[in-house]
Amino acid sequence: MPDDASRVASDPALRRALLRWYDGHRRALPWRGQRDPYRVWLSEVMLQQTRVATATPYYHAFLERFPTLESLARAREADVLTAWAGLGYYRRARQLREAARLVVREHGGRVPDEPAAFALLPGVGRYTAGAVLSIAFDRPLPVLDGNVARVLSRLRALRATLREPRGARALWALAATLVPARRPGDWNQALMELGATVCTPRAPRCGGCPASRWCSAFALGRVAAFPPVTARRAVEKVRQAVVLIERRGRMLVVRREGPLLAGLWEPPGVELAPRRSARRALDTLLAGLGLRARIAPAGTSIRYAITHRDITAEVWHGVLAAPPPRPARLRWVDPRDPAVALTALAKKVAALRAGA
């Protein structure tokens, strides 16, 4: 049993065992078994903060609408966000579209296989660069996500976590020493697959693990102790008010701005400070949008979450006292129209509409 990082990293038998296991046990996922860098890239972006089962139907639908990098580069941002709607973390979609535009404009439509050039594209970090370039171009670059970090932490009995900078540096260094020159993409996917299906956070199946012979945590009988548990970000309770204004079966929505959900559409709403009157806050918001409306509480609330924020939105009904202006941020929409990129809150509010 090797007991230091250099022995573990240099043992070719570990690589052979894990690659042999991957060849025989990998899941049949739609983005596997191909080398198209656009499709590999899309899958890696979608899988950030998203489970495979959730991402898979979006992957198929997105490729139907934007089958090539060039088609994505030509698309309007609104259309890309609509195709992404429901997948969350919309910044990923905006950055992928912008990166596609840069690839078409500056690289002749060919995804650059040089790490330095690829890393300059919007949304491309060290993980994405390692995953896409190793899988699509056989570049011997490491990857490190939550699954890989857990495997490496247990393999070396390393008290390190991605959430802590020093631990992340140690894990990246170990990942870099492990990645082979031959089949680096398969190696990286094997580590990810092992973490997702065998070396799981709870109840890992060590008896069926192809790497157990080299696993220091398994030898110590302390697999559950690695990686160390770190405190999660505290959940923030947020109070909000939103107003539903309808006209001939359509709902008035405003385009969101700011760091969260920018570019998506939802009914006018405002975050409420402690003890602040919802009516006063909504009156101020509507006036700022150029709207004159009579509002009344609907007597219901909607609860939803965005990242670490637990949000309760008080719903109000509104009736316009004058025709609304036509700024770019305001729009009447049919909430059943799949071409409109609505937020999750907007869809919940739409379900409360009269007769819905």
Protein backbone atom coordinates (compact mmCIF):
# COMPACT_ATOMS: atom_id res chain seq x y z
CA MET A 1 0.00 0.00 0.00
CA PRO A 2 1.61 3.29 -1.02
CA ASP A 3 1.51 5.89 1.72
CA ASP A 4 2.72 9.04 0.00
CA ALA A 5 1.48 11.11 -2.93
CA SER A 6 4.42 10.32 -5.19
CA ARG A 7 3.93 6.55 -4.88
CA VAL A 8 0.20 6.83 -5.51
CA ALA A 9 0.69 9.19 -8.44
CA SER A 10 3.38 7.18 -10.14
CA ASP A 11 1.85 3.71 -9.83
CA PRO A 12 0.86 2.72 -13.41
CA ALA A 13 -1.23 -0.14 -12.06
CA LEU A 14 -3.65 2.36 -10.54
CA ARG A 15 -4.14 4.02 -13.91
CA ARG A 16 -4.65 0.70 -15.67
CA ALA A 17 -7.13 -0.51 -13.06
CA LEU A 18 -9.23 2.65 -13.12
CA LEU A 19 -9.26 2.93 -16.92
CA ARG A 20 -10.18 -0.76 -17.24
CA TRP A 21 -13.04 -0.24 -14.79
CA TYR A 22 -14.18 2.87 -16.68
CA ASP A 23 -14.20 1.03 -19.99
CA GLY A 24 -16.49 -1.62 -18.54
CA HIS A 25 -18.70 0.34 -16.15
CA ARG A 26 -19.14 3.90 -17.41
CA ARG A 27 -22.66 5.16 -17.85
CA ALA A 28 -23.95 5.67 -21.39
CA LEU A 29 -24.27 9.45 -21.33
CA PRO A 30 -25.14 11.37 -24.51
CA TRP A 31 -21.95 13.45 -24.51
CA ARG A 32 -19.61 10.49 -24.15
CA GLY A 33 -17.87 8.59 -26.90
CA GLN A 34 -17.39 11.63 -29.14
CA ARG A 35 -14.75 14.29 -29.63
CA ASP A 36 -16.76 17.27 -30.86
CA PRO A 37 -15.36 20.07 -28.65
CA TYR A 38 -18.61 22.08 -28.83
CA ARG A 39 -20.69 19.19 -27.49
CA VAL A 40 -18.13 18.33 -24.83
CA TRP A 41 -17.96 21.98 -23.82
CA LEU A 42 -21.75 22.32 -23.66
CA SER A 43 -22.05 19.23 -21.47
CA GLU A 44 -19.40 20.45 -19.05
CA VAL A 45 -21.05 23.86 -18.73
CA MET A 46 -24.47 22.32 -18.15
CA LEU A 47 -23.12 19.90 -15.55
CA GLN A 48 -21.72 22.71 -13.40
CA GLN A 49 -23.92 22.81 -10.29
CA THR A 50 -26.41 20.50 -12.05
CA ARG A 51 -27.07 16.76 -11.81
CA VAL A 52 -26.73 14.50 -14.84
CA ALA A 53 -30.42 13.52 -14.79
CA THR A 54 -31.45 17.19 -14.83
CA ALA A 55 -28.95 18.28 -17.48
CA THR A 56 -29.57 15.45 -19.97
CA PRO A 57 -32.93 16.59 -21.46
CA TYR A 58 -31.67 20.18 -21.64
CA TYR A 59 -28.56 18.97 -23.48
CA HIS A 60 -30.65 17.25 -26.15
CA ALA A 61 -33.06 20.19 -26.51
CA PHE A 62 -30.28 22.77 -26.64
CA LEU A 63 -28.47 20.89 -29.42
CA GLU A 64 -31.71 20.63 -31.40
CA ARG A 65 -32.00 24.40 -31.29
CA PHE A 66 -28.28 25.22 -31.58
CA PRO A 67 -26.64 22.19 -33.23
CA THR A 68 -23.30 23.90 -33.92
CA LEU A 69 -21.07 26.47 -32.32
CA GLU A 70 -21.80 28.80 -35.23
CA SER A 71 -25.57 28.57 -34.68
CA LEU A 72 -25.08 29.43 -31.00
CA ALA A 73 -22.86 32.37 -31.92
CA ARG A 74 -25.58 33.74 -34.26
CA ALA A 75 -28.39 33.32 -31.71
CA ARG A 76 -29.97 36.16 -29.78
CA GLU A 77 -29.25 36.13 -26.07
CA ALA A 78 -33.00 35.99 -25.35
CA ASP A 79 -33.34 32.79 -27.39
CA VAL A 80 -30.40 31.18 -25.60
CA LEU A 81 -31.85 32.08 -22.21
CA THR A 82 -35.20 30.65 -23.24
CA ALA A 83 -33.54 27.34 -24.18
CA TRP A 84 -31.75 27.40 -20.83
CA ALA A 85 -34.83 28.36 -18.79
CA GLY A 86 -35.30 26.05 -15.81
CA LEU A 87 -31.70 24.88 -15.73
CA GLY A 88 -30.61 27.74 -13.48
CA TYR A 89 -27.31 29.61 -13.13
CA TYR A 90 -28.09 31.60 -16.27
CA ARG A 91 -24.70 33.30 -16.31
CA ARG A 92 -23.38 30.02 -17.74
CA ALA A 93 -25.60 30.39 -20.82
CA ARG A 94 -24.64 34.01 -21.42
CA GLN A 95 -20.94 33.27 -21.12
CA LEU A 96 -21.16 30.22 -23.39
CA ARG A 97 -22.89 32.26 -26.09
CA GLU A 98 -20.34 35.06 -25.78
CA ALA A 99 -17.50 32.54 -25.91
CA ALA A 100 -19.00 31.02 -29.07
CA ARG A 101 -19.10 34.46 -30.66
CA LEU A 102 -15.43 35.00 -29.83
CA VAL A 103 -14.46 31.60 -31.22
CA VAL A 104 -16.21 32.39 -34.50
CA ARG A 105 -14.80 35.90 -34.68
CA GLU A 106 -11.24 35.29 -33.50
CA HIS A 107 -10.57 31.58 -34.15
CA GLY A 108 -12.40 30.95 -37.40
CA GLY A 109 -15.09 28.91 -35.66
CA ARG A 110 -12.63 26.31 -34.34
CA VAL A 111 -12.43 25.79 -30.58
CA PRO A 112 -8.81 26.55 -29.67
CA ASP A 113 -6.91 23.52 -28.34
CA GLU A 114 -4.17 25.60 -26.73
CA PRO A 115 -4.86 25.92 -22.98
CA ALA A 116 -3.79 29.56 -22.83
CA ALA A 117 -6.12 30.56 -25.68
CA PHE A 118 -9.07 28.50 -24.48
CA ALA A 119 -8.73 29.84 -20.94
CA LEU A 120 -9.23 33.40 -22.21
CA LEU A 121 -12.81 32.67 -23.30
CA PRO A 122 -15.71 33.83 -21.08
CA GLY A 123 -16.73 31.33 -18.42
CA VAL A 124 -13.70 29.07 -18.92
CA GLY A 125 -11.93 28.28 -15.68
CA ARG A 126 -9.31 25.70 -14.84
CA TYR A 127 -11.82 22.85 -14.52
CA THR A 128 -13.59 23.59 -17.82
CA ALA A 129 -10.29 23.95 -19.66
CA GLY A 130 -9.01 20.65 -18.29
CA ALA A 131 -12.21 18.76 -19.04
CA VAL A 132 -12.82 20.05 -22.57
CA LEU A 133 -9.22 19.98 -23.79
CA SER A 134 -8.42 16.57 -22.30
CA ILE A 135 -11.59 14.93 -23.66
CA ALA A 136 -11.74 16.64 -27.06
CA PHE A 137 -8.03 17.10 -27.81
CA ASP A 138 -6.13 14.63 -25.57
CA ARG A 139 -4.40 17.42 -23.69
CA PRO A 140 -2.93 15.95 -20.46
CA LEU A 141 -4.62 18.47 -18.18
CA PRO A 142 -6.17 17.66 -14.79
CA VAL A 143 -9.73 18.27 -13.66
CA LEU A 144 -11.01 18.88 -10.18
CA ASP A 145 -14.68 18.99 -9.25
CA GLY A 146 -16.46 17.78 -6.14
CA ASN A 147 -16.44 14.13 -7.21
CA VAL A 148 -12.76 14.12 -8.18
CA ALA A 149 -11.78 16.00 -5.03
CA ARG A 150 -13.51 13.37 -2.89
CA VAL A 151 -11.77 10.50 -4.70
CA LEU A 152 -8.35 12.13 -4.37
CA SER A 153 -8.87 13.08 -0.74
CA ARG A 154 -9.68 9.46 0.12
CA LEU A 155 -7.02 7.99 -2.12
CA ARG A 156 -4.31 9.93 -0.29
CA ALA A 157 -6.15 10.30 3.07
CA LEU A 158 -5.64 13.99 2.46
CA ARG A 159 -7.48 16.37 4.76
CA ALA A 160 -8.21 18.82 1.99
CA THR A 161 -11.35 20.32 0.52
CA LEU A 162 -12.14 22.49 -2.48
CA ARG A 163 -13.78 25.04 -0.19
CA GLU A 164 -10.46 25.98 1.40
CA PRO A 165 -7.72 27.57 -0.78
CA ARG A 166 -4.82 25.61 0.68
CA GLY A 167 -6.70 22.32 0.34
CA ALA A 168 -7.73 23.17 -3.23
CA ARG A 169 -4.11 23.81 -4.16
CA ALA A 170 -3.05 20.45 -2.71
CA LEU A 171 -5.81 18.62 -4.58
CA TRP A 172 -5.01 20.33 -7.89
CA ALA A 173 -1.35 19.40 -7.44
CA LEU A 174 -2.24 15.75 -6.83
CA ALA A 175 -4.64 15.70 -9.80
CA ALA A 176 -1.89 17.10 -12.02
CA THR A 177 0.58 14.38 -11.01
CA LEU A 178 -1.99 11.67 -11.70
CA VAL A 179 -3.21 12.63 -15.17
CA PRO A 180 -1.53 10.41 -17.79
CA ALA A 181 -0.17 11.40 -21.18
CA ARG A 182 -2.22 8.62 -22.80
CA ARG A 183 -6.03 8.79 -22.59
CA PRO A 184 -6.11 11.85 -20.31
CA GLY A 185 -9.77 12.55 -21.15
CA ASP A 186 -10.83 9.02 -20.26
CA TRP A 187 -8.76 9.23 -17.07
CA ASN A 188 -10.46 12.44 -15.99
CA GLN A 189 -13.90 11.02 -16.79
CA ALA A 190 -13.02 7.84 -14.91
CA LEU A 191 -12.24 9.86 -11.77
CA MET A 192 -15.51 11.76 -12.13
CA GLU A 193 -17.47 8.57 -12.78
CA LEU A 194 -15.89 6.84 -9.78
CA GLY A 195 -16.87 9.73 -7.52
CA ALA A 196 -20.40 9.89 -8.90
CA THR A 197 -21.22 6.17 -8.76
CA VAL A 198 -18.87 4.37 -6.31
CA CYS A 199 -16.87 6.77 -4.12
CA THR A 200 -19.99 8.66 -3.09
CA PRO A 201 -20.27 11.11 -0.17
CA ARG A 202 -22.31 8.67 1.90
CA ALA A 203 -22.22 4.88 1.85
CA PRO A 204 -19.37 4.51 -0.67
CA ARG A 205 -19.16 1.06 -2.27
CA CYS A 206 -15.55 0.35 -1.36
CA GLY A 207 -15.96 -3.38 -2.02
CA GLY A 208 -16.54 -2.66 -5.70
CA CYS A 209 -13.99 0.13 -6.05
CA PRO A 210 -11.20 -0.48 -8.58
CA ALA A 211 -8.91 1.87 -6.64
CA SER A 212 -9.37 0.41 -3.15
CA ARG A 213 -5.96 -1.31 -3.30
CA TRP A 214 -4.34 2.14 -3.49
CA CYS A 215 -6.73 3.96 -1.16
CA SER A 216 -5.16 5.17 2.08
CA ALA A 217 -8.53 6.09 3.64
CA PHE A 218 -9.79 2.56 2.97
CA ALA A 219 -6.63 1.05 4.48
CA LEU A 220 -7.11 3.17 7.59
CA GLY A 221 -10.79 2.19 7.84
CA ARG A 222 -11.69 5.88 7.82
CA VAL A 223 -13.25 6.49 4.43
CA ALA A 224 -16.09 8.55 5.92
CA ALA A 225 -13.56 10.97 7.45
CA PHE A 226 -12.40 12.18 4.04
CA PRO A 227 -12.75 14.77 2.74
CA PRO A 228 -13.23 16.76 5.96
CA VAL A 229 -16.64 18.32 6.47
CA THR A 230 -16.68 22.09 6.02
CA ALA A 231 -19.32 24.52 7.17
CA ARG A 232 -21.82 25.37 4.46
CA ARG A 233 -22.85 28.92 3.74
CA ALA A 234 -25.72 29.93 5.98
CA VAL A 235 -29.15 30.12 4.36
CA GLU A 236 -30.33 33.71 4.03
CA LYS A 237 -34.03 34.35 4.60
CA VAL A 238 -35.37 36.95 2.18
CA ARG A 239 -38.77 38.66 2.06
CA GLN A 240 -40.09 39.94 -1.25
CA ALA A 241 -43.25 41.43 -2.75
CA VAL A 242 -44.40 40.91 -6.33
CA VAL A 243 -47.40 42.34 -8.19
CA LEU A 244 -49.46 40.47 -10.77
CA ILE A 245 -50.93 42.76 -13.44
CA GLU A 246 -52.99 41.19 -16.23
CA ARG A 247 -54.57 42.31 -19.48
CA ARG A 248 -56.52 40.13 -21.90
CA GLY A 249 -54.87 36.93 -20.72
CA ARG A 250 -51.37 38.39 -20.68
CA MET A 251 -49.15 39.19 -17.75
CA LEU A 252 -47.00 42.30 -17.37
CA VAL A 253 -43.36 41.39 -16.78
CA VAL A 254 -40.12 43.27 -16.33
CA ARG A 255 -36.68 42.15 -17.47
CA ARG A 256 -34.39 41.42 -14.55
CA GLU A 257 -31.07 43.16 -14.20
CA GLY A 258 -28.16 42.63 -11.84
CA PRO A 259 -26.03 39.60 -10.92
CA LEU A 260 -28.86 37.06 -10.54
CA LEU A 261 -31.14 35.95 -13.41
CA ALA A 262 -30.29 38.98 -15.56
CA GLY A 263 -32.17 38.98 -18.85
CA LEU A 264 -35.05 36.81 -17.65
CA TRP A 265 -38.61 38.09 -17.20
CA GLU A 266 -40.89 38.20 -14.17
CA PRO A 267 -43.68 40.35 -12.71
CA PRO A 268 -42.51 43.58 -11.04
CA GLY A 269 -41.15 42.77 -7.62
CA VAL A 270 -39.00 44.20 -4.88
CA GLU A 271 -36.95 42.82 -2.00
CA LEU A 272 -38.21 44.06 1.34
CA ALA A 273 -36.06 45.31 4.17
CA PRO A 274 -37.11 44.20 7.67
CA ARG A 275 -40.39 45.80 8.73
CA ARG A 276 -40.72 47.69 5.44
CA SER A 277 -44.26 48.06 4.07
CA ALA A 278 -44.80 45.93 0.99
CA ARG A 279 -47.40 48.39 -0.33
CA ARG A 280 -45.05 51.35 -0.04
CA ALA A 281 -42.18 49.44 -1.62
CA LEU A 282 -44.33 48.30 -4.55
CA ASP A 283 -45.77 51.79 -5.08
CA THR A 284 -42.23 53.17 -5.29
CA LEU A 285 -41.16 50.40 -7.67
CA LEU A 286 -44.15 50.84 -9.99
CA ALA A 287 -43.70 54.60 -10.10
CA GLY A 288 -40.07 54.10 -11.06
CA LEU A 289 -41.22 51.92 -13.97
CA GLY A 290 -43.67 54.61 -15.08
CA LEU A 291 -46.70 52.57 -13.99
CA ARG A 292 -49.81 53.89 -12.27
CA ALA A 293 -51.72 51.07 -10.63
CA ARG A 294 -54.07 50.25 -7.79
CA ILE A 295 -52.69 47.30 -5.83
CA ALA A 296 -54.12 44.98 -3.19
CA PRO A 297 -52.71 41.93 -1.40
CA ALA A 298 -53.69 38.61 -2.97
CA GLY A 299 -53.54 36.89 0.41
CA THR A 300 -50.98 34.33 -0.71
CA SER A 301 -47.21 33.91 -0.76
CA ILE A 302 -44.78 31.94 -2.90
CA ARG A 303 -41.68 30.32 -1.50
CA TYR A 304 -38.66 29.50 -3.67
CA ALA A 305 -34.86 29.42 -3.46
CA ILE A 306 -31.94 30.85 -5.42
CA THR A 307 -28.55 29.45 -4.39
CA HIS A 308 -28.30 30.09 -0.62
CA ARG A 309 -31.33 32.42 -0.45
CA ASP A 310 -34.67 31.15 0.88
CA ILE A 311 -37.19 33.63 -0.51
CA THR A 312 -40.82 34.23 0.46
CA ALA A 313 -42.65 36.45 -2.01
CA GLU A 314 -45.90 38.14 -1.02
CA VAL A 315 -48.20 38.27 -4.05
CA TRP A 316 -50.24 41.37 -4.82
CA HIS A 317 -52.80 42.01 -7.55
CA GLY A 318 -52.59 45.21 -9.56
CA VAL A 319 -54.94 47.10 -11.89
CA LEU A 320 -53.45 49.75 -14.15
CA ALA A 321 -54.93 53.23 -13.82
CA ALA A 322 -53.32 54.35 -17.09
CA PRO A 323 -51.71 52.63 -20.09
CA PRO A 324 -48.14 51.58 -19.32
CA PRO A 325 -45.14 53.11 -21.07
CA ARG A 326 -43.17 50.99 -23.50
CA PRO A 327 -39.63 50.85 -22.17
CA ALA A 328 -37.50 47.89 -23.22
CA ARG A 329 -37.69 46.44 -19.71
CA LEU A 330 -41.50 46.02 -19.76
CA ARG A 331 -43.49 43.51 -21.80
CA TRP A 332 -46.91 41.88 -21.93
CA VAL A 333 -46.46 38.11 -22.31
CA ASP A 334 -48.47 34.94 -22.45
CA PRO A 335 -46.81 32.93 -19.66
CA ARG A 336 -47.62 29.72 -21.55
CA ASP A 337 -45.45 30.80 -24.48
CA PRO A 338 -42.29 28.62 -24.39
CA ALA A 339 -40.36 31.32 -26.28
CA VAL A 340 -40.47 33.62 -23.23
CA ALA A 341 -37.64 33.14 -20.72
CA LEU A 342 -39.50 33.42 -17.41
CA THR A 343 -38.00 33.01 -13.96
CA ALA A 344 -39.23 30.26 -11.67
CA LEU A 345 -41.03 32.92 -9.63
CA ALA A 346 -42.82 34.18 -12.74
CA LYS A 347 -44.07 30.69 -13.55
CA LYS A 348 -45.38 30.28 -10.00
CA VAL A 349 -47.12 33.66 -10.13
CA ALA A 350 -48.63 32.78 -13.52
CA ALA A 351 -50.24 29.73 -11.96
CA LEU A 352 -52.20 32.09 -9.67
CA ARG A 353 -53.73 34.04 -12.56
CA ALA A 354 -57.50 34.30 -12.71
CA GLY A 355 -58.84 31.17 -14.33
CA ALA A 356 -55.43 29.47 -14.46
